[in-house]
């Protein structure tokens, strides 16, 4: 199996691999939008658990700790896999959705008002 990385692997390739994995196991019957959205939330919570009760600064150290980093990577992969399978099941185009959301966010958070600030757009 080829080694994949962000520089050489497309989103379409990853979505196809996720879909093939589910189909090989006959799991599509369980992959309703409801179930996948819940699984996605559960995996996101498992990712957050690695940083629970740490300060923002300490969370950076946690993410760099080699033993913890492997587990964090596994949880991140679970989150992304469920998001991709959700897109597969619902027919959503992830790249188009991300592009549309980034454009909307650019309108809500203009650079001149939001640079260096963590305020919600309604507070800028």
N, C-alpha and C. Protein backbone atom coordinates (compact mmCIF):
# COMPACT_ATOMS: atom_id res chain seq x y z
N UNK A 1 0.85 -1.18 0.00
CA UNK A 1 0.00 0.00 0.00
C UNK A 1 0.89 1.24 0.00
N UNK A 2 0.54 2.18 -0.85
CA UNK A 2 1.31 3.41 -0.96
C UNK A 2 1.18 4.24 0.31
N UNK A 3 2.25 4.95 0.62
CA UNK A 3 2.22 5.86 1.75
C UNK A 3 1.56 7.15 1.29
N UNK A 4 0.54 7.56 2.01
CA UNK A 4 -0.19 8.77 1.66
C UNK A 4 0.32 9.93 2.51
N UNK A 5 0.26 11.13 1.93
CA UNK A 5 0.55 12.33 2.70
C UNK A 5 -0.24 13.49 2.11
N UNK A 6 -0.31 14.57 2.86
CA UNK A 6 -1.11 15.73 2.46
C UNK A 6 -0.65 16.34 1.13
N UNK A 7 0.63 16.22 0.82
CA UNK A 7 1.16 16.87 -0.38
C UNK A 7 0.79 16.15 -1.67
N UNK A 8 0.53 14.84 -1.57
CA UNK A 8 0.32 14.07 -2.80
C UNK A 8 -1.04 13.40 -2.91
N UNK A 9 -1.84 13.46 -1.87
CA UNK A 9 -3.12 12.75 -1.86
C UNK A 9 -4.27 13.73 -1.98
N UNK A 10 -5.18 13.45 -2.89
CA UNK A 10 -6.33 14.35 -3.07
C UNK A 10 -7.46 13.98 -2.11
N UNK A 11 -8.32 14.92 -1.90
CA UNK A 11 -9.52 14.69 -1.11
C UNK A 11 -10.37 13.62 -1.76
N UNK A 12 -10.47 13.65 -3.07
CA UNK A 12 -11.26 12.64 -3.79
C UNK A 12 -10.70 11.24 -3.56
N UNK A 13 -9.39 11.11 -3.54
CA UNK A 13 -8.78 9.79 -3.28
C UNK A 13 -9.12 9.30 -1.88
N UNK A 14 -9.03 10.19 -0.91
CA UNK A 14 -9.35 9.79 0.46
C UNK A 14 -10.82 9.42 0.61
N UNK A 15 -11.71 10.22 0.02
CA UNK A 15 -13.14 9.90 0.09
C UNK A 15 -13.42 8.55 -0.56
N UNK A 16 -12.76 8.26 -1.66
CA UNK A 16 -12.96 6.97 -2.33
C UNK A 16 -12.47 5.82 -1.46
N UNK A 17 -11.37 6.01 -0.79
CA UNK A 17 -10.85 4.96 0.10
C UNK A 17 -11.79 4.72 1.27
N UNK A 18 -12.30 5.79 1.84
CA UNK A 18 -13.25 5.68 2.96
C UNK A 18 -14.50 4.95 2.50
N UNK A 19 -15.02 5.31 1.34
CA UNK A 19 -16.22 4.67 0.80
C UNK A 19 -15.97 3.19 0.53
N UNK A 20 -14.84 2.87 -0.08
CA UNK A 20 -14.51 1.47 -0.37
C UNK A 20 -14.40 0.66 0.92
N UNK A 21 -13.79 1.23 1.93
CA UNK A 21 -13.64 0.56 3.22
C UNK A 21 -15.02 0.20 3.80
N UNK A 22 -15.93 1.17 3.77
CA UNK A 22 -17.28 0.93 4.30
C UNK A 22 -18.03 -0.10 3.46
N UNK A 23 -17.91 -0.01 2.15
CA UNK A 23 -18.62 -0.95 1.26
C UNK A 23 -18.10 -2.37 1.42
N UNK A 24 -16.81 -2.53 1.56
CA UNK A 24 -16.24 -3.88 1.73
C UNK A 24 -16.80 -4.57 2.96
N UNK A 25 -17.17 -3.80 3.94
CA UNK A 25 -17.68 -4.35 5.21
C UNK A 25 -19.20 -4.31 5.30
N UNK A 26 -19.86 -3.85 4.24
CA UNK A 26 -21.31 -3.70 4.21
C UNK A 26 -21.80 -2.82 5.35
N UNK A 27 -21.09 -1.74 5.58
CA UNK A 27 -21.44 -0.82 6.66
C UNK A 27 -22.32 0.34 6.20
N UNK A 28 -22.50 0.50 4.90
CA UNK A 28 -23.32 1.62 4.44
C UNK A 28 -24.73 1.58 5.02
N UNK A 29 -25.21 0.38 5.31
CA UNK A 29 -26.55 0.25 5.89
C UNK A 29 -26.66 0.96 7.25
N UNK A 30 -25.54 1.13 7.92
CA UNK A 30 -25.54 1.78 9.24
C UNK A 30 -25.18 3.26 9.15
N UNK A 31 -24.72 3.70 7.99
CA UNK A 31 -24.17 5.04 7.85
C UNK A 31 -25.21 6.05 7.39
N UNK A 32 -26.21 6.25 8.22
CA UNK A 32 -27.19 7.31 7.95
C UNK A 32 -26.57 8.64 8.35
N UNK A 33 -27.07 9.75 7.82
CA UNK A 33 -26.56 11.05 8.26
C UNK A 33 -26.64 11.21 9.78
N UNK A 34 -27.72 10.75 10.38
CA UNK A 34 -27.87 10.84 11.84
C UNK A 34 -26.74 10.10 12.54
N UNK A 35 -26.53 8.84 12.17
CA UNK A 35 -25.51 8.05 12.85
C UNK A 35 -24.10 8.60 12.61
N UNK A 36 -23.84 9.02 11.39
CA UNK A 36 -22.50 9.54 11.09
C UNK A 36 -22.25 10.87 11.80
N UNK A 37 -23.26 11.73 11.89
CA UNK A 37 -23.06 13.00 12.61
C UNK A 37 -22.81 12.74 14.09
N UNK A 38 -23.49 11.75 14.64
CA UNK A 38 -23.27 11.41 16.05
C UNK A 38 -21.89 10.79 16.26
N UNK A 39 -21.47 9.92 15.35
CA UNK A 39 -20.14 9.32 15.44
C UNK A 39 -19.06 10.39 15.32
N UNK A 40 -19.29 11.34 14.44
CA UNK A 40 -18.35 12.45 14.26
C UNK A 40 -18.21 13.25 15.55
N UNK A 41 -19.31 13.54 16.20
CA UNK A 41 -19.28 14.29 17.46
C UNK A 41 -18.57 13.49 18.55
N UNK A 42 -18.83 12.18 18.60
CA UNK A 42 -18.19 11.33 19.60
C UNK A 42 -16.68 11.30 19.40
N UNK A 43 -16.25 11.18 18.15
CA UNK A 43 -14.80 11.15 17.88
C UNK A 43 -14.16 12.51 18.16
N UNK A 44 -14.88 13.60 17.88
CA UNK A 44 -14.35 14.92 18.21
C UNK A 44 -14.16 15.05 19.71
N UNK A 45 -15.09 14.50 20.48
CA UNK A 45 -14.97 14.53 21.94
C UNK A 45 -13.76 13.71 22.39
N UNK A 46 -13.50 12.59 21.74
CA UNK A 46 -12.33 11.78 22.09
C UNK A 46 -11.04 12.54 21.77
N UNK A 47 -11.03 13.32 20.71
CA UNK A 47 -9.89 14.16 20.39
C UNK A 47 -9.71 15.23 21.47
N UNK A 48 -10.79 15.88 21.86
CA UNK A 48 -10.73 16.92 22.88
C UNK A 48 -10.25 16.39 24.22
N UNK A 49 -10.56 15.14 24.51
CA UNK A 49 -10.19 14.55 25.79
C UNK A 49 -8.69 14.61 26.05
N UNK A 50 -7.89 14.54 25.00
CA UNK A 50 -6.43 14.59 25.16
C UNK A 50 -5.96 15.94 25.71
N UNK A 51 -6.78 16.97 25.58
CA UNK A 51 -6.39 18.32 25.98
C UNK A 51 -7.19 18.85 27.16
N UNK A 52 -8.06 18.01 27.69
CA UNK A 52 -8.92 18.42 28.80
C UNK A 52 -8.07 18.84 30.00
N UNK A 53 -8.42 19.96 30.56
CA UNK A 53 -7.80 20.52 31.75
C UNK A 53 -6.38 21.04 31.53
N UNK A 54 -5.96 21.19 30.29
CA UNK A 54 -4.65 21.79 30.03
C UNK A 54 -4.85 23.26 29.68
N UNK A 55 -3.82 24.02 29.86
CA UNK A 55 -3.86 25.41 29.41
C UNK A 55 -3.63 25.44 27.90
N UNK A 56 -3.95 26.53 27.25
CA UNK A 56 -3.67 26.61 25.81
C UNK A 56 -2.19 26.35 25.50
N UNK A 57 -1.29 26.89 26.32
CA UNK A 57 0.14 26.68 26.10
C UNK A 57 0.50 25.21 26.29
N UNK A 58 0.00 24.59 27.35
CA UNK A 58 0.31 23.19 27.62
C UNK A 58 -0.27 22.28 26.54
N UNK A 59 -1.38 22.68 25.93
CA UNK A 59 -1.98 21.84 24.88
C UNK A 59 -1.04 21.70 23.69
N UNK A 60 -0.23 22.72 23.44
CA UNK A 60 0.76 22.63 22.36
C UNK A 60 1.81 21.58 22.68
N UNK A 61 2.21 21.51 23.92
CA UNK A 61 3.19 20.49 24.34
C UNK A 61 2.59 19.10 24.26
N UNK A 62 1.34 18.96 24.66
CA UNK A 62 0.66 17.67 24.58
C UNK A 62 0.66 17.19 23.13
N UNK A 63 0.36 18.08 22.21
CA UNK A 63 0.28 17.72 20.79
C UNK A 63 1.64 17.32 20.22
N UNK A 64 2.73 17.72 20.87
CA UNK A 64 4.06 17.37 20.39
C UNK A 64 4.66 16.15 21.09
N UNK A 65 4.05 15.71 22.18
CA UNK A 65 4.53 14.53 22.90
C UNK A 65 4.35 13.30 22.01
N UNK A 66 5.43 12.58 21.71
CA UNK A 66 5.39 11.52 20.71
C UNK A 66 4.35 10.43 21.02
N UNK A 67 4.29 9.98 22.25
CA UNK A 67 3.33 8.92 22.60
C UNK A 67 1.90 9.43 22.46
N UNK A 68 1.64 10.62 22.93
CA UNK A 68 0.29 11.19 22.84
C UNK A 68 -0.04 11.57 21.41
N UNK A 69 0.96 12.00 20.67
CA UNK A 69 0.75 12.44 19.29
C UNK A 69 0.16 11.34 18.43
N UNK A 70 0.62 10.10 18.61
CA UNK A 70 0.07 8.97 17.84
C UNK A 70 -1.41 8.79 18.14
N UNK A 71 -1.78 8.89 19.41
CA UNK A 71 -3.18 8.72 19.78
C UNK A 71 -4.02 9.89 19.29
N UNK A 72 -3.47 11.08 19.37
CA UNK A 72 -4.16 12.27 18.86
C UNK A 72 -4.38 12.14 17.36
N UNK A 73 -3.37 11.67 16.64
CA UNK A 73 -3.49 11.47 15.19
C UNK A 73 -4.59 10.47 14.87
N UNK A 74 -4.70 9.42 15.67
CA UNK A 74 -5.76 8.42 15.46
C UNK A 74 -7.13 9.05 15.63
N UNK A 75 -7.29 9.87 16.64
CA UNK A 75 -8.59 10.52 16.88
C UNK A 75 -8.91 11.52 15.78
N UNK A 76 -7.89 12.29 15.35
CA UNK A 76 -8.10 13.22 14.26
C UNK A 76 -8.51 12.47 12.99
N UNK A 77 -7.86 11.35 12.73
CA UNK A 77 -8.21 10.53 11.56
C UNK A 77 -9.66 10.06 11.66
N UNK A 78 -10.08 9.62 12.83
CA UNK A 78 -11.47 9.19 13.00
C UNK A 78 -12.44 10.32 12.68
N UNK A 79 -12.14 11.53 13.15
CA UNK A 79 -13.00 12.68 12.89
C UNK A 79 -13.11 12.92 11.38
N UNK A 80 -11.97 12.94 10.71
CA UNK A 80 -11.96 13.23 9.27
C UNK A 80 -12.61 12.11 8.48
N UNK A 81 -12.37 10.86 8.87
CA UNK A 81 -12.99 9.72 8.19
C UNK A 81 -14.51 9.80 8.29
N UNK A 82 -15.02 10.08 9.47
CA UNK A 82 -16.48 10.19 9.61
C UNK A 82 -17.01 11.38 8.82
N UNK A 83 -16.27 12.48 8.78
CA UNK A 83 -16.71 13.63 7.99
C UNK A 83 -16.75 13.27 6.50
N UNK A 84 -15.74 12.53 6.05
CA UNK A 84 -15.71 12.12 4.64
C UNK A 84 -16.84 11.15 4.32
N UNK A 85 -17.10 10.23 5.21
CA UNK A 85 -18.18 9.28 4.96
C UNK A 85 -19.53 10.00 5.00
N UNK A 86 -19.65 11.00 5.86
CA UNK A 86 -20.87 11.82 5.89
C UNK A 86 -21.05 12.49 4.52
N UNK A 87 -19.98 13.05 3.99
CA UNK A 87 -20.04 13.68 2.67
C UNK A 87 -20.40 12.65 1.60
N UNK A 88 -19.82 11.46 1.69
CA UNK A 88 -20.15 10.40 0.73
C UNK A 88 -21.63 10.06 0.77
N UNK A 89 -22.16 9.86 1.96
CA UNK A 89 -23.55 9.41 2.12
C UNK A 89 -24.54 10.49 1.70
N UNK A 90 -24.21 11.74 1.98
CA UNK A 90 -25.14 12.83 1.69
C UNK A 90 -24.91 13.46 0.31
N UNK A 91 -23.83 13.08 -0.35
CA UNK A 91 -23.52 13.64 -1.66
C UNK A 91 -23.01 15.07 -1.59
N UNK A 92 -22.53 15.47 -0.42
CA UNK A 92 -21.97 16.82 -0.28
C UNK A 92 -20.55 16.85 -0.84
N UNK A 93 -20.22 17.93 -1.51
CA UNK A 93 -18.88 18.14 -2.03
C UNK A 93 -18.10 18.89 -0.96
N UNK A 94 -17.14 18.21 -0.33
CA UNK A 94 -16.41 18.80 0.79
C UNK A 94 -15.62 20.03 0.37
N UNK A 95 -14.93 19.96 -0.75
CA UNK A 95 -14.12 21.10 -1.19
C UNK A 95 -15.01 22.31 -1.47
N UNK A 96 -16.15 22.10 -2.12
CA UNK A 96 -17.07 23.20 -2.41
C UNK A 96 -17.65 23.76 -1.11
N UNK A 97 -17.99 22.89 -0.17
CA UNK A 97 -18.53 23.34 1.11
C UNK A 97 -17.50 24.15 1.89
N UNK A 98 -16.26 23.70 1.88
CA UNK A 98 -15.18 24.42 2.57
C UNK A 98 -14.95 25.77 1.91
N UNK A 99 -14.91 25.80 0.59
CA UNK A 99 -14.70 27.05 -0.12
C UNK A 99 -15.82 28.04 0.18
N UNK A 100 -17.06 27.58 0.16
CA UNK A 100 -18.20 28.45 0.45
C UNK A 100 -18.14 28.98 1.89
N UNK A 101 -17.77 28.12 2.81
CA UNK A 101 -17.69 28.53 4.22
C UNK A 101 -16.55 29.52 4.43
N UNK A 102 -15.42 29.29 3.78
CA UNK A 102 -14.29 30.22 3.90
C UNK A 102 -14.67 31.60 3.34
N UNK A 103 -15.40 31.62 2.23
CA UNK A 103 -15.85 32.89 1.65
C UNK A 103 -16.81 33.61 2.61
N UNK A 104 -17.73 32.85 3.21
CA UNK A 104 -18.67 33.44 4.17
C UNK A 104 -17.91 33.96 5.39
N UNK A 105 -16.94 33.19 5.86
CA UNK A 105 -16.15 33.62 7.02
C UNK A 105 -15.33 34.87 6.71
N UNK A 106 -14.84 34.98 5.48
CA UNK A 106 -14.08 36.16 5.09
C UNK A 106 -14.96 37.40 5.17
N UNK A 107 -16.24 37.25 4.85
CA UNK A 107 -17.18 38.37 4.95
C UNK A 107 -17.47 38.72 6.41
N UNK A 108 -17.64 37.69 7.23
CA UNK A 108 -17.95 37.90 8.64
C UNK A 108 -16.75 38.43 9.43
N UNK A 109 -15.57 38.01 9.03
CA UNK A 109 -14.35 38.35 9.75
C UNK A 109 -13.35 39.07 8.84
N UNK A 110 -13.65 40.32 8.48
CA UNK A 110 -12.70 41.05 7.64
C UNK A 110 -11.37 41.23 8.38
N UNK A 111 -10.29 41.14 7.64
CA UNK A 111 -8.95 41.19 8.24
C UNK A 111 -8.77 42.43 9.08
N UNK A 112 -9.19 43.57 8.58
CA UNK A 112 -8.95 44.83 9.29
C UNK A 112 -9.66 44.89 10.64
N UNK A 113 -10.72 44.13 10.81
CA UNK A 113 -11.46 44.13 12.08
C UNK A 113 -11.12 42.94 12.96
N UNK A 114 -10.70 41.84 12.38
CA UNK A 114 -10.56 40.62 13.18
C UNK A 114 -9.12 40.20 13.44
N UNK A 115 -8.16 40.79 12.76
CA UNK A 115 -6.76 40.37 12.93
C UNK A 115 -6.34 40.46 14.40
N UNK A 116 -5.87 39.33 14.93
CA UNK A 116 -5.39 39.27 16.29
C UNK A 116 -6.47 39.25 17.36
N UNK A 117 -7.72 39.09 16.94
CA UNK A 117 -8.84 39.10 17.89
C UNK A 117 -9.58 37.77 17.82
N UNK A 118 -10.07 37.30 18.95
CA UNK A 118 -10.83 36.06 19.01
C UNK A 118 -12.32 36.32 19.19
N UNK A 119 -12.75 37.52 18.97
CA UNK A 119 -14.14 37.89 19.15
C UNK A 119 -15.01 37.29 18.06
N UNK A 120 -16.26 36.98 18.41
CA UNK A 120 -17.23 36.53 17.42
C UNK A 120 -17.53 37.69 16.48
N UNK A 121 -17.91 37.37 15.24
CA UNK A 121 -18.13 38.39 14.24
C UNK A 121 -19.15 39.44 14.66
N UNK A 122 -20.10 39.06 15.49
CA UNK A 122 -21.11 40.02 15.95
C UNK A 122 -20.54 41.03 16.93
N UNK A 123 -19.34 40.76 17.42
CA UNK A 123 -18.70 41.64 18.42
C UNK A 123 -17.58 42.49 17.82
N UNK A 124 -17.32 42.35 16.55
CA UNK A 124 -16.22 43.11 15.93
C UNK A 124 -16.59 44.56 15.70
